[in-house]
Amino acid sequence: MNGITYVRGDATAPHAKGVKIIAHVCNDLGGWGRGFVLAVSRRWPEPEAAFRRWHRERARNDFGLGAAQFVKVEPYVWVANLVGQRGIRTARSTGAPVRYEAIDAALGLLAEEAVALGASVHMPRIGCGLAGGSWGRVEPLIVRRLVERGIPVTVYDFGA
């Protein structure tokens, strides 16, 4: 057992008491419009608006691979935009856009925020959808960065 709780359900509707952070992986092009972000945007407009502003103003902030942005969407719910994907997959792409080292760095920032807020972390299988990553490579990063620090983590597989 690795300390991660796996459930079927919607990661945008976490079942936990207290402060919750919903984490997902974003690309470094500022694109938002496919994959899990659509579910996030259906629930709250703030994470998309904040992400687009963060990207647009990147010359004056920390936007880039390995960065993390935390957006409060409800009194006890935050969304973490983790930049862990180089570009996007296109018809002419070769290789997956996932960047494991960037996901690892962003998870480190997520851990700091979760500890500061006393929050649990909720996510889909980050980096394994449109980013094309392998859960076998992402899961150990989550265990090392979050679980080993005592942060409760729930991973949601969408479905009934």
Protein backbone atom coordinates (compact mmCIF):
# COMPACT_ATOMS: atom_id res chain seq x y z
CA MET A 1 0.00 0.00 0.00
CA ASN A 2 1.43 3.37 -0.97
CA GLY A 3 -0.81 5.65 1.11
CA ILE A 4 -2.86 7.01 -1.78
CA THR A 5 -6.62 6.44 -1.60
CA TYR A 6 -8.14 5.50 -4.96
CA VAL A 7 -11.84 6.09 -5.58
CA ARG A 8 -14.28 6.20 -8.49
CA GLY A 9 -15.78 9.64 -8.89
CA ASP A 10 -15.28 13.24 -9.86
CA ALA A 11 -12.10 14.93 -8.60
CA THR A 12 -13.86 18.32 -8.80
CA ALA A 13 -16.24 17.14 -6.04
CA PRO A 14 -13.87 15.76 -3.38
CA HIS A 15 -15.31 13.83 -0.46
CA ALA A 16 -13.33 15.03 2.54
CA LYS A 17 -13.67 17.31 5.51
CA GLY A 18 -11.57 20.43 5.93
CA VAL A 19 -9.50 22.27 3.35
CA LYS A 20 -9.09 20.50 0.02
CA ILE A 21 -6.75 21.20 -2.89
CA ILE A 22 -7.73 19.82 -6.31
CA ALA A 23 -4.54 19.36 -8.33
CA HIS A 24 -4.15 18.92 -12.09
CA VAL A 25 -1.44 19.30 -14.72
CA CYS A 26 -1.40 22.17 -17.22
CA ASN A 27 0.76 22.87 -20.26
CA ASP A 28 3.38 25.60 -20.61
CA LEU A 29 1.69 27.20 -23.67
CA GLY A 30 -1.15 28.72 -21.67
CA GLY A 31 -3.68 26.45 -23.37
CA TRP A 32 -6.81 25.51 -21.46
CA GLY A 33 -9.64 23.72 -23.18
CA ARG A 34 -9.24 19.94 -23.27
CA GLY A 35 -9.20 17.19 -20.68
CA PHE A 36 -9.75 17.60 -16.95
CA VAL A 37 -9.69 21.42 -17.14
CA LEU A 38 -13.10 21.31 -18.81
CA ALA A 39 -14.56 19.76 -15.64
CA VAL A 40 -12.79 22.39 -13.53
CA SER A 41 -14.15 25.22 -15.69
CA ARG A 42 -17.69 23.83 -15.54
CA ARG A 43 -17.59 24.21 -11.75
CA TRP A 44 -15.57 27.41 -11.32
CA PRO A 45 -14.41 30.15 -13.73
CA GLU A 46 -11.58 31.37 -11.49
CA PRO A 47 -8.88 28.72 -12.17
CA GLU A 48 -9.01 29.23 -15.94
CA ALA A 49 -9.02 33.02 -15.65
CA ALA A 50 -6.12 32.93 -13.18
CA PHE A 51 -4.14 30.48 -15.34
CA ARG A 52 -4.60 32.55 -18.49
CA ARG A 53 -3.58 35.74 -16.64
CA TRP A 54 -0.57 33.94 -15.10
CA HIS A 55 0.54 32.82 -18.58
CA ARG A 56 -0.15 36.21 -20.21
CA GLU A 57 1.95 37.99 -17.55
CA ARG A 58 4.69 35.30 -17.49
CA ALA A 59 7.46 37.81 -18.18
CA ARG A 60 6.77 39.21 -14.69
CA ASN A 61 6.07 36.04 -12.69
CA ASP A 62 7.14 32.42 -12.09
CA PHE A 63 5.05 30.77 -14.85
CA GLY A 64 6.88 27.87 -16.47
CA LEU A 65 7.54 24.17 -16.19
CA GLY A 66 7.53 23.08 -12.55
CA ALA A 67 5.54 26.09 -11.32
CA ALA A 68 2.30 25.91 -9.37
CA GLN A 69 -0.57 28.36 -8.97
CA PHE A 70 -3.17 28.08 -6.20
CA VAL A 71 -6.65 29.49 -6.78
CA LYS A 72 -9.26 29.64 -4.02
CA VAL A 73 -12.66 28.66 -5.47
CA GLU A 74 -14.74 28.02 -2.33
CA PRO A 75 -14.17 28.72 1.36
CA TYR A 76 -12.46 25.32 1.84
CA VAL A 77 -11.53 24.40 -1.75
CA TRP A 78 -8.51 25.43 -3.80
CA VAL A 79 -7.45 24.43 -7.31
CA ALA A 80 -3.74 23.87 -8.00
CA ASN A 81 -2.65 24.56 -11.58
CA LEU A 82 0.59 22.55 -11.90
CA VAL A 83 2.68 23.22 -15.02
CA GLY A 84 4.00 19.78 -15.90
CA GLN A 85 3.52 19.50 -19.63
CA ARG A 86 5.74 20.93 -22.41
CA GLY A 87 3.42 22.08 -25.18
CA ILE A 88 0.50 19.99 -26.36
CA ARG A 89 0.13 16.83 -28.39
CA THR A 90 -0.69 17.49 -32.05
CA ALA A 91 -1.08 15.30 -35.13
CA ARG A 92 2.60 15.92 -35.92
CA SER A 93 3.90 15.48 -32.37
CA THR A 94 6.46 12.87 -31.53
CA GLY A 95 6.63 11.80 -27.92
CA ALA A 96 4.44 12.73 -25.00
CA PRO A 97 4.38 16.30 -23.69
CA VAL A 98 4.58 15.15 -20.04
CA ARG A 99 7.64 16.36 -18.13
CA TYR A 100 8.11 14.25 -15.01
CA GLU A 101 10.75 16.53 -13.52
CA ALA A 102 8.33 19.47 -13.82
CA ILE A 103 5.51 17.48 -12.21
CA ASP A 104 7.92 16.56 -9.40
CA ALA A 105 8.89 20.20 -8.84
CA ALA A 106 5.26 21.36 -8.91
CA LEU A 107 4.30 18.59 -6.46
CA GLY A 108 6.95 19.97 -4.10
CA LEU A 109 5.24 23.37 -4.22
CA LEU A 110 1.86 21.67 -3.77
CA ALA A 111 3.16 19.90 -0.67
CA GLU A 112 4.27 23.20 0.87
CA GLU A 113 0.85 24.76 0.21
CA ALA A 114 -1.02 21.71 1.52
CA VAL A 115 1.00 21.76 4.74
CA ALA A 116 0.48 25.52 5.16
CA LEU A 117 -3.30 25.16 4.66
CA GLY A 118 -3.65 21.87 6.52
CA ALA A 119 -5.25 20.52 3.34
CA SER A 120 -5.86 17.15 1.76
CA VAL A 121 -5.06 16.77 -1.95
CA HIS A 122 -7.45 15.42 -4.60
CA MET A 123 -6.64 14.73 -8.25
CA PRO A 124 -7.26 12.66 -11.31
CA ARG A 125 -4.28 10.59 -12.50
CA ILE A 126 -2.29 13.75 -13.23
CA GLY A 127 0.02 13.80 -16.21
CA CYS A 128 -1.51 10.62 -17.65
CA GLY A 129 -4.28 11.99 -19.85
CA LEU A 130 -3.48 14.46 -22.61
CA ALA A 131 0.08 14.81 -21.29
CA GLY A 132 0.65 11.15 -22.18
CA GLY A 133 2.47 10.17 -19.02
CA SER A 134 2.69 6.85 -17.22
CA TRP A 135 1.02 6.43 -13.82
CA GLY A 136 3.86 4.10 -12.93
CA ARG A 137 6.19 7.10 -13.10
CA VAL A 138 3.85 9.74 -11.62
CA GLU A 139 2.57 7.76 -8.63
CA PRO A 140 6.01 7.46 -6.91
CA LEU A 141 6.45 11.24 -7.22
CA ILE A 142 3.13 11.78 -5.41
CA VAL A 143 4.12 9.30 -2.72
CA ARG A 144 7.51 10.95 -2.18
CA ARG A 145 6.36 14.56 -2.30
CA LEU A 146 2.97 14.31 -0.56
CA VAL A 147 2.21 11.00 1.13
CA GLU A 148 5.57 10.73 2.89
CA ARG A 149 4.93 14.18 4.36
CA GLY A 150 1.66 12.96 5.84
CA ILE A 151 -0.59 14.76 3.35
CA PRO A 152 -3.77 12.78 2.59
CA VAL A 153 -4.06 12.15 -1.16
CA THR A 154 -7.09 10.85 -3.03
CA VAL A 155 -6.91 9.91 -6.72
CA TYR A 156 -10.18 9.85 -8.63
CA ASP A 157 -10.93 7.60 -11.55
CA PHE A 158 -13.90 9.18 -13.29
CA GLY A 159 -17.03 7.07 -13.37
CA ALA A 160 -19.92 5.94 -11.24
